[in-house]
């Protein structure tokens, strides 16, 4: 299967549908099977103690899988998260961006499942692992495309 959207188109589209947070996330690499995304860590992403907050890491995992689904299926802005699991493995470094490596485990007609490993930039030790499941709108429905 080929990509429905390339890196630049994907970043532009995400800016349209998520203007409030699109500058937080940068697609570093995109292939048919995987995406690498950066969370640009700023003070608002930190919790007391100087570490990246759990909600910020959840957001990175969620946006990462969502972006890969968009890249594969096209403009499906109404795909929604139906399940998530997040394991915190070690403390991330607060002064460094987070890097997520995601691959799709399943991309079906109605469900997509992705696996995400998250790292502090420059480290090869994962700080968190997430599995995200999305419900996809029926193909051809008015909800299936946006923008």
N, C-alpha and C. Protein backbone atom coordinates (compact mmCIF):
# COMPACT_ATOMS: atom_id res chain seq x y z
N UNK A 1 0.84 -1.18 0.00
CA UNK A 1 0.00 0.00 0.00
C UNK A 1 0.89 1.25 0.00
N UNK A 2 0.50 2.23 -0.75
CA UNK A 2 1.25 3.47 -0.79
C UNK A 2 0.65 4.49 0.17
N UNK A 3 1.40 5.53 0.44
CA UNK A 3 0.93 6.59 1.32
C UNK A 3 -0.10 7.47 0.61
N UNK A 4 -1.16 7.81 1.31
CA UNK A 4 -2.17 8.73 0.77
C UNK A 4 -1.70 10.17 0.93
N UNK A 5 -0.82 10.42 1.92
CA UNK A 5 -0.25 11.75 2.15
C UNK A 5 1.21 11.60 2.50
N UNK A 6 2.03 12.47 1.94
CA UNK A 6 3.44 12.52 2.29
C UNK A 6 3.66 13.37 3.54
N UNK A 7 4.89 13.47 3.95
CA UNK A 7 5.25 14.19 5.18
C UNK A 7 4.75 15.63 5.19
N UNK A 8 5.02 16.38 4.11
CA UNK A 8 4.63 17.80 4.06
C UNK A 8 3.11 17.95 4.07
N UNK A 9 2.41 17.15 3.25
CA UNK A 9 0.94 17.22 3.23
C UNK A 9 0.36 16.87 4.59
N UNK A 10 0.94 15.88 5.22
CA UNK A 10 0.46 15.45 6.54
C UNK A 10 0.63 16.57 7.57
N UNK A 11 1.81 17.19 7.59
CA UNK A 11 2.05 18.28 8.54
C UNK A 11 1.09 19.45 8.28
N UNK A 12 0.87 19.78 7.02
CA UNK A 12 -0.05 20.86 6.68
C UNK A 12 -1.48 20.54 7.12
N UNK A 13 -1.93 19.33 6.84
CA UNK A 13 -3.29 18.92 7.22
C UNK A 13 -3.45 18.92 8.73
N UNK A 14 -2.47 18.42 9.45
CA UNK A 14 -2.57 18.41 10.91
C UNK A 14 -2.62 19.83 11.46
N UNK A 15 -1.94 20.76 10.82
CA UNK A 15 -2.03 22.16 11.21
C UNK A 15 -3.42 22.73 11.02
N UNK A 16 -4.12 22.24 10.00
CA UNK A 16 -5.50 22.69 9.76
C UNK A 16 -6.47 22.14 10.79
N UNK A 17 -6.34 20.86 11.12
CA UNK A 17 -7.33 20.24 12.01
C UNK A 17 -6.98 20.36 13.49
N UNK A 18 -5.70 20.63 13.80
CA UNK A 18 -5.27 20.80 15.20
C UNK A 18 -4.43 22.07 15.34
N UNK A 19 -4.99 23.23 15.03
CA UNK A 19 -4.17 24.45 15.09
C UNK A 19 -3.66 24.76 16.49
N UNK A 20 -4.34 24.27 17.51
CA UNK A 20 -3.95 24.57 18.89
C UNK A 20 -2.69 23.84 19.33
N UNK A 21 -2.33 22.75 18.70
CA UNK A 21 -1.15 21.98 19.14
C UNK A 21 -0.21 21.56 18.02
N UNK A 22 -0.51 21.92 16.79
CA UNK A 22 0.28 21.35 15.69
C UNK A 22 1.76 21.73 15.75
N UNK A 23 2.12 22.82 16.39
CA UNK A 23 3.54 23.18 16.49
C UNK A 23 4.28 22.33 17.52
N UNK A 24 3.55 21.61 18.36
CA UNK A 24 4.18 20.74 19.35
C UNK A 24 4.78 19.49 18.71
N UNK A 25 4.25 19.09 17.56
CA UNK A 25 4.61 17.81 16.96
C UNK A 25 5.22 18.01 15.57
N UNK A 26 6.31 17.29 15.31
CA UNK A 26 7.00 17.38 14.03
C UNK A 26 7.21 15.96 13.51
N UNK A 27 6.78 15.72 12.28
CA UNK A 27 7.03 14.42 11.65
C UNK A 27 8.46 14.43 11.15
N UNK A 28 9.27 13.56 11.73
CA UNK A 28 10.70 13.46 11.38
C UNK A 28 10.91 12.52 10.19
N UNK A 29 10.15 11.42 10.16
CA UNK A 29 10.31 10.42 9.11
C UNK A 29 8.98 9.73 8.90
N UNK A 30 8.70 9.36 7.67
CA UNK A 30 7.43 8.72 7.35
C UNK A 30 7.64 7.71 6.24
N UNK A 31 7.23 6.48 6.49
CA UNK A 31 7.24 5.43 5.46
C UNK A 31 5.85 4.80 5.45
N UNK A 32 5.64 3.85 4.57
CA UNK A 32 4.35 3.16 4.52
C UNK A 32 4.06 2.42 5.82
N UNK A 33 5.10 1.99 6.52
CA UNK A 33 4.92 1.15 7.70
C UNK A 33 5.17 1.86 9.02
N UNK A 34 5.78 3.05 8.99
CA UNK A 34 6.17 3.65 10.26
C UNK A 34 6.23 5.17 10.16
N UNK A 35 6.24 5.77 11.34
CA UNK A 35 6.40 7.21 11.44
C UNK A 35 7.28 7.49 12.65
N UNK A 36 8.14 8.48 12.53
CA UNK A 36 8.92 8.97 13.65
C UNK A 36 8.47 10.41 13.88
N UNK A 37 8.05 10.70 15.11
CA UNK A 37 7.52 12.02 15.43
C UNK A 37 8.22 12.58 16.65
N UNK A 38 8.41 13.89 16.64
CA UNK A 38 9.05 14.60 17.73
C UNK A 38 8.02 15.42 18.48
N UNK A 39 8.07 15.36 19.81
CA UNK A 39 7.36 16.31 20.66
C UNK A 39 8.38 17.37 21.04
N UNK A 40 8.13 18.61 20.62
CA UNK A 40 9.01 19.71 20.96
C UNK A 40 8.69 20.10 22.41
N UNK A 41 9.53 19.65 23.32
CA UNK A 41 9.26 19.80 24.75
C UNK A 41 9.53 21.24 25.19
N UNK A 42 8.53 21.83 25.81
CA UNK A 42 8.62 23.17 26.38
C UNK A 42 8.19 23.09 27.84
N UNK A 43 8.30 24.19 28.54
CA UNK A 43 7.97 24.20 29.97
C UNK A 43 6.57 23.67 30.26
N UNK A 44 5.62 23.96 29.38
CA UNK A 44 4.24 23.51 29.62
C UNK A 44 4.09 21.99 29.57
N UNK A 45 5.09 21.28 29.03
CA UNK A 45 5.05 19.82 28.96
C UNK A 45 5.67 19.16 30.19
N UNK A 46 6.23 19.97 31.08
CA UNK A 46 6.95 19.42 32.23
C UNK A 46 6.07 19.39 33.47
N UNK A 47 6.36 18.45 34.33
CA UNK A 47 5.69 18.38 35.63
C UNK A 47 6.73 18.70 36.70
N UNK A 48 6.29 18.92 37.93
CA UNK A 48 7.28 19.18 38.99
C UNK A 48 8.34 18.09 39.01
N UNK A 49 9.56 18.48 39.22
CA UNK A 49 10.68 17.54 39.17
C UNK A 49 11.41 17.60 37.84
N UNK A 50 10.88 18.38 36.88
CA UNK A 50 11.57 18.59 35.62
C UNK A 50 11.49 17.45 34.63
N UNK A 51 10.47 16.61 34.72
CA UNK A 51 10.32 15.52 33.77
C UNK A 51 9.12 15.78 32.87
N UNK A 52 9.10 15.17 31.71
CA UNK A 52 7.98 15.32 30.79
C UNK A 52 6.76 14.64 31.42
N UNK A 53 5.63 15.33 31.38
CA UNK A 53 4.41 14.82 32.01
C UNK A 53 3.81 13.63 31.26
N UNK A 54 3.10 12.81 31.99
CA UNK A 54 2.39 11.67 31.40
C UNK A 54 1.40 12.10 30.34
N UNK A 55 0.58 13.15 30.58
CA UNK A 55 -0.34 13.59 29.53
C UNK A 55 0.36 14.03 28.25
N UNK A 56 1.55 14.62 28.38
CA UNK A 56 2.30 15.02 27.18
C UNK A 56 2.77 13.79 26.41
N UNK A 57 3.21 12.76 27.13
CA UNK A 57 3.65 11.53 26.46
C UNK A 57 2.46 10.81 25.83
N UNK A 58 1.31 10.82 26.53
CA UNK A 58 0.09 10.23 25.94
C UNK A 58 -0.25 10.97 24.65
N UNK A 59 -0.19 12.31 24.69
CA UNK A 59 -0.49 13.09 23.50
C UNK A 59 0.42 12.74 22.34
N UNK A 60 1.70 12.56 22.61
CA UNK A 60 2.64 12.18 21.57
C UNK A 60 2.27 10.84 20.95
N UNK A 61 1.98 9.86 21.79
CA UNK A 61 1.61 8.53 21.28
C UNK A 61 0.32 8.61 20.46
N UNK A 62 -0.66 9.34 20.97
CA UNK A 62 -1.96 9.45 20.31
C UNK A 62 -1.83 10.14 18.95
N UNK A 63 -1.13 11.26 18.91
CA UNK A 63 -0.96 11.99 17.66
C UNK A 63 -0.12 11.19 16.68
N UNK A 64 0.85 10.46 17.18
CA UNK A 64 1.74 9.68 16.32
C UNK A 64 0.96 8.60 15.55
N UNK A 65 0.15 7.83 16.26
CA UNK A 65 -0.64 6.79 15.59
C UNK A 65 -1.66 7.42 14.66
N UNK A 66 -2.33 8.47 15.14
CA UNK A 66 -3.32 9.17 14.33
C UNK A 66 -2.70 9.66 13.03
N UNK A 67 -1.51 10.26 13.11
CA UNK A 67 -0.83 10.78 11.93
C UNK A 67 -0.49 9.67 10.95
N UNK A 68 -0.06 8.52 11.44
CA UNK A 68 0.26 7.41 10.55
C UNK A 68 -1.00 6.87 9.87
N UNK A 69 -2.10 6.83 10.60
CA UNK A 69 -3.37 6.42 9.99
C UNK A 69 -3.76 7.42 8.89
N UNK A 70 -3.64 8.71 9.17
CA UNK A 70 -3.93 9.73 8.16
C UNK A 70 -3.05 9.56 6.93
N UNK A 71 -1.76 9.34 7.16
CA UNK A 71 -0.83 9.19 6.04
C UNK A 71 -1.20 8.00 5.17
N UNK A 72 -1.71 6.96 5.77
CA UNK A 72 -2.08 5.75 5.02
C UNK A 72 -3.47 5.83 4.39
N UNK A 73 -4.44 6.32 5.15
CA UNK A 73 -5.84 6.29 4.69
C UNK A 73 -6.28 7.59 4.03
N UNK A 74 -5.59 8.68 4.30
CA UNK A 74 -6.01 9.97 3.76
C UNK A 74 -6.73 10.78 4.82
N UNK A 75 -7.40 11.80 4.39
CA UNK A 75 -8.02 12.77 5.29
C UNK A 75 -9.22 12.18 6.02
N UNK A 76 -8.94 11.49 7.12
CA UNK A 76 -9.96 10.85 7.95
C UNK A 76 -9.94 11.48 9.33
N UNK A 77 -10.26 12.76 9.40
CA UNK A 77 -10.11 13.48 10.65
C UNK A 77 -11.03 12.95 11.75
N UNK A 78 -12.06 12.22 11.40
CA UNK A 78 -12.99 11.75 12.42
C UNK A 78 -12.66 10.35 12.93
N UNK A 79 -11.49 9.83 12.60
CA UNK A 79 -11.01 8.62 13.27
C UNK A 79 -10.83 8.97 14.74
N UNK A 80 -11.26 8.08 15.63
CA UNK A 80 -11.20 8.38 17.06
C UNK A 80 -10.53 7.26 17.84
N UNK A 81 -9.84 7.64 18.90
CA UNK A 81 -9.20 6.67 19.78
C UNK A 81 -10.27 5.90 20.53
N UNK A 82 -10.19 4.57 20.47
CA UNK A 82 -11.16 3.74 21.20
C UNK A 82 -10.52 2.98 22.35
N UNK A 83 -9.20 2.84 22.32
CA UNK A 83 -8.51 2.15 23.40
C UNK A 83 -7.05 2.61 23.43
N UNK A 84 -6.49 2.63 24.63
CA UNK A 84 -5.08 2.96 24.74
C UNK A 84 -4.48 2.27 25.96
N UNK A 85 -3.21 1.98 25.85
CA UNK A 85 -2.44 1.41 26.95
C UNK A 85 -1.08 2.07 26.91
N UNK A 86 -0.65 2.59 28.07
CA UNK A 86 0.62 3.31 28.12
C UNK A 86 1.42 2.80 29.31
N UNK A 87 2.62 2.30 29.02
CA UNK A 87 3.52 1.82 30.06
C UNK A 87 4.66 2.82 30.21
N UNK A 88 4.84 3.36 31.41
CA UNK A 88 5.95 4.25 31.70
C UNK A 88 7.12 3.38 32.16
N UNK A 89 8.23 3.45 31.46
CA UNK A 89 9.36 2.56 31.69
C UNK A 89 10.48 3.19 32.50
N UNK A 90 10.75 4.47 32.25
CA UNK A 90 11.79 5.20 32.98
C UNK A 90 11.51 6.68 32.85
N UNK A 91 12.17 7.47 33.67
CA UNK A 91 11.95 8.92 33.69
C UNK A 91 12.53 9.57 32.44
N UNK A 92 11.71 10.31 31.69
CA UNK A 92 12.25 11.04 30.55
C UNK A 92 13.03 12.27 31.01
N UNK A 93 13.92 12.74 30.17
CA UNK A 93 14.71 13.92 30.50
C UNK A 93 13.93 15.17 30.10
N UNK A 94 13.66 16.03 31.07
CA UNK A 94 12.84 17.21 30.84
C UNK A 94 13.41 18.22 29.89
N UNK A 95 14.70 18.31 29.77
CA UNK A 95 15.31 19.30 28.90
C UNK A 95 15.49 18.84 27.47
N UNK A 96 14.94 17.69 27.12
CA UNK A 96 15.13 17.14 25.78
C UNK A 96 13.78 16.84 25.14
N UNK A 97 13.73 16.96 23.82
CA UNK A 97 12.52 16.59 23.09
C UNK A 97 12.27 15.10 23.23
N UNK A 98 11.03 14.71 23.04
CA UNK A 98 10.66 13.29 23.02
C UNK A 98 10.57 12.84 21.57
N UNK A 99 11.07 11.65 21.30
CA UNK A 99 11.02 11.07 19.97
C UNK A 99 10.17 9.80 20.04
N UNK A 100 9.17 9.70 19.18
CA UNK A 100 8.30 8.52 19.14
C UNK A 100 8.53 7.77 17.83
N UNK A 101 8.63 6.45 17.96
CA UNK A 101 8.73 5.57 16.80
C UNK A 101 7.47 4.72 16.79
N UNK A 102 6.71 4.83 15.72
CA UNK A 102 5.41 4.14 15.66
C UNK A 102 5.34 3.24 14.44
N UNK A 103 4.68 2.12 14.63
CA UNK A 103 4.37 1.24 13.50
C UNK A 103 2.94 0.76 13.66
N UNK A 104 2.27 0.56 12.55
CA UNK A 104 0.91 0.05 12.60
C UNK A 104 0.95 -1.47 12.69
N UNK A 105 0.22 -2.00 13.64
CA UNK A 105 0.08 -3.45 13.77
C UNK A 105 -1.07 -3.95 12.92
N UNK A 106 -2.10 -3.09 12.76
CA UNK A 106 -3.26 -3.44 11.95
C UNK A 106 -3.84 -2.17 11.38
N UNK A 107 -4.20 -2.21 10.11
CA UNK A 107 -4.95 -1.13 9.49
C UNK A 107 -6.05 -1.77 8.67
N UNK A 108 -7.21 -1.86 9.28
CA UNK A 108 -8.36 -2.50 8.63
C UNK A 108 -9.37 -1.46 8.16
N UNK A 109 -10.56 -1.97 7.80
CA UNK A 109 -11.61 -1.07 7.34
C UNK A 109 -12.20 -0.25 8.48
N UNK A 110 -12.28 -0.85 9.68
CA UNK A 110 -12.94 -0.14 10.78
C UNK A 110 -12.04 0.10 11.98
N UNK A 111 -10.90 -0.56 12.06
CA UNK A 111 -9.98 -0.39 13.19
C UNK A 111 -8.54 -0.24 12.72
N UNK A 112 -7.80 0.55 13.47
CA UNK A 112 -6.35 0.67 13.28
C UNK A 112 -5.70 0.51 14.66
N UNK A 113 -4.62 -0.26 14.72
CA UNK A 113 -3.89 -0.48 15.97
C UNK A 113 -2.43 -0.14 15.72
N UNK A 114 -1.88 0.72 16.60
CA UNK A 114 -0.49 1.12 16.46
C UNK A 114 0.29 0.90 17.74
N UNK A 115 1.58 0.66 17.58
CA UNK A 115 2.50 0.47 18.70
C UNK A 115 3.53 1.58 18.66
N UNK A 116 3.79 2.22 19.81
CA UNK A 116 4.67 3.38 19.87
C UNK A 116 5.71 3.19 20.96
N UNK A 117 6.97 3.42 20.63
CA UNK A 117 8.05 3.51 21.61
C UNK A 117 8.48 4.96 21.67
N UNK A 118 8.64 5.48 22.90
CA UNK A 118 9.04 6.88 23.09
C UNK A 118 10.37 6.95 23.81
N UNK A 119 11.21 7.89 23.36
CA UNK A 119 12.56 8.06 23.87
C UNK A 119 12.81 9.53 24.17
N UNK A 120 13.70 9.81 25.12
CA UNK A 120 14.25 11.15 25.24
C UNK A 120 15.27 11.29 24.12
N UNK A 121 15.28 12.43 23.47
CA UNK A 121 16.19 12.62 22.34
C UNK A 121 17.63 12.29 22.74
N UNK A 122 18.29 11.50 21.90
CA UNK A 122 19.68 11.13 22.14
C UNK A 122 19.87 9.85 22.93
N UNK A 123 18.78 9.27 23.44
CA UNK A 123 18.87 8.03 24.21
C UNK A 123 18.28 6.88 23.41
N UNK A 124 18.85 5.69 23.59
CA UNK A 124 18.29 4.51 22.93
C UNK A 124 17.46 3.67 23.90
N UNK A 125 17.23 4.18 25.11
CA UNK A 125 16.43 3.48 26.10
C UNK A 125 15.02 4.07 26.11
N UNK A 126 14.01 3.25 25.80
CA UNK A 126 12.65 3.79 25.77
C UNK A 126 12.19 4.23 27.15
N UNK A 127 11.49 5.37 27.17
CA UNK A 127 10.91 5.87 28.43
C UNK A 127 9.46 5.45 28.57
N UNK A 128 8.81 5.11 27.44
CA UNK A 128 7.42 4.67 27.50
C UNK A 128 7.09 3.87 26.25
N UNK A 129 6.05 3.05 26.40
CA UNK A 129 5.53 2.24 25.29
C UNK A 129 4.03 2.37 25.32
N UNK A 130 3.43 2.57 24.15
CA UNK A 130 1.97 2.71 24.08
C UNK A 130 1.41 1.86 22.95
N UNK A 131 0.20 1.39 23.15
CA UNK A 131 -0.59 0.76 22.10
C UNK A 131 -1.88 1.55 22.00
N UNK A 132 -2.22 1.97 20.81
CA UNK A 132 -3.41 2.79 20.58
C UNK A 132 -4.28 2.11 19.54
N UNK A 133 -5.60 2.13 19.78
CA UNK A 133 -6.56 1.60 18.82
C UNK A 133 -7.50 2.73 18.40
N UNK A 134 -7.74 2.82 17.11
CA UNK A 134 -8.64 3.83 16.55
C UNK A 134 -9.79 3.17 15.84
N UNK A 135 -10.96 3.78 15.95
CA UNK A 135 -12.12 3.43 15.15
C UNK A 135 -12.12 4.34 13.94
N UNK A 136 -12.27 3.75 12.77
CA UNK A 136 -12.25 4.51 11.52
C UNK A 136 -13.66 4.66 10.99
N UNK A 137 -14.02 5.82 10.45
CA UNK A 137 -15.36 5.98 9.88
C UNK A 137 -15.50 5.10 8.65
N UNK A 138 -16.73 4.65 8.37
CA UNK A 138 -16.93 3.81 7.17
C UNK A 138 -16.49 4.54 5.91
N UNK A 139 -15.81 3.82 5.03
CA UNK A 139 -15.35 4.42 3.77
C UNK A 139 -16.56 4.87 2.98
N UNK A 140 -16.43 6.05 2.37
CA UNK A 140 -17.51 6.59 1.57
C UNK A 140 -18.54 7.38 2.35
N UNK A 141 -18.45 7.33 3.70
CA UNK A 141 -19.41 8.08 4.51
C UNK A 141 -19.00 9.55 4.56
N UNK A 142 -19.94 10.42 4.88
CA UNK A 142 -19.65 11.85 5.01
C UNK A 142 -18.62 12.08 6.10
N UNK A 143 -18.60 11.20 7.12
CA UNK A 143 -17.65 11.35 8.23
C UNK A 143 -16.24 10.91 7.85
N UNK A 144 -16.09 10.23 6.73
CA UNK A 144 -14.78 9.67 6.37
C UNK A 144 -13.80 10.71 5.85
N UNK A 145 -14.30 11.84 5.36
CA UNK A 145 -13.36 12.82 4.86
C UNK A 145 -13.69 14.21 5.39
N UNK A 146 -12.65 15.00 5.50
CA UNK A 146 -12.77 16.35 6.04
C UNK A 146 -11.71 17.21 5.41
N UNK A 147 -12.02 18.44 5.10
CA UNK A 147 -11.02 19.40 4.60
C UNK A 147 -10.72 19.17 3.19
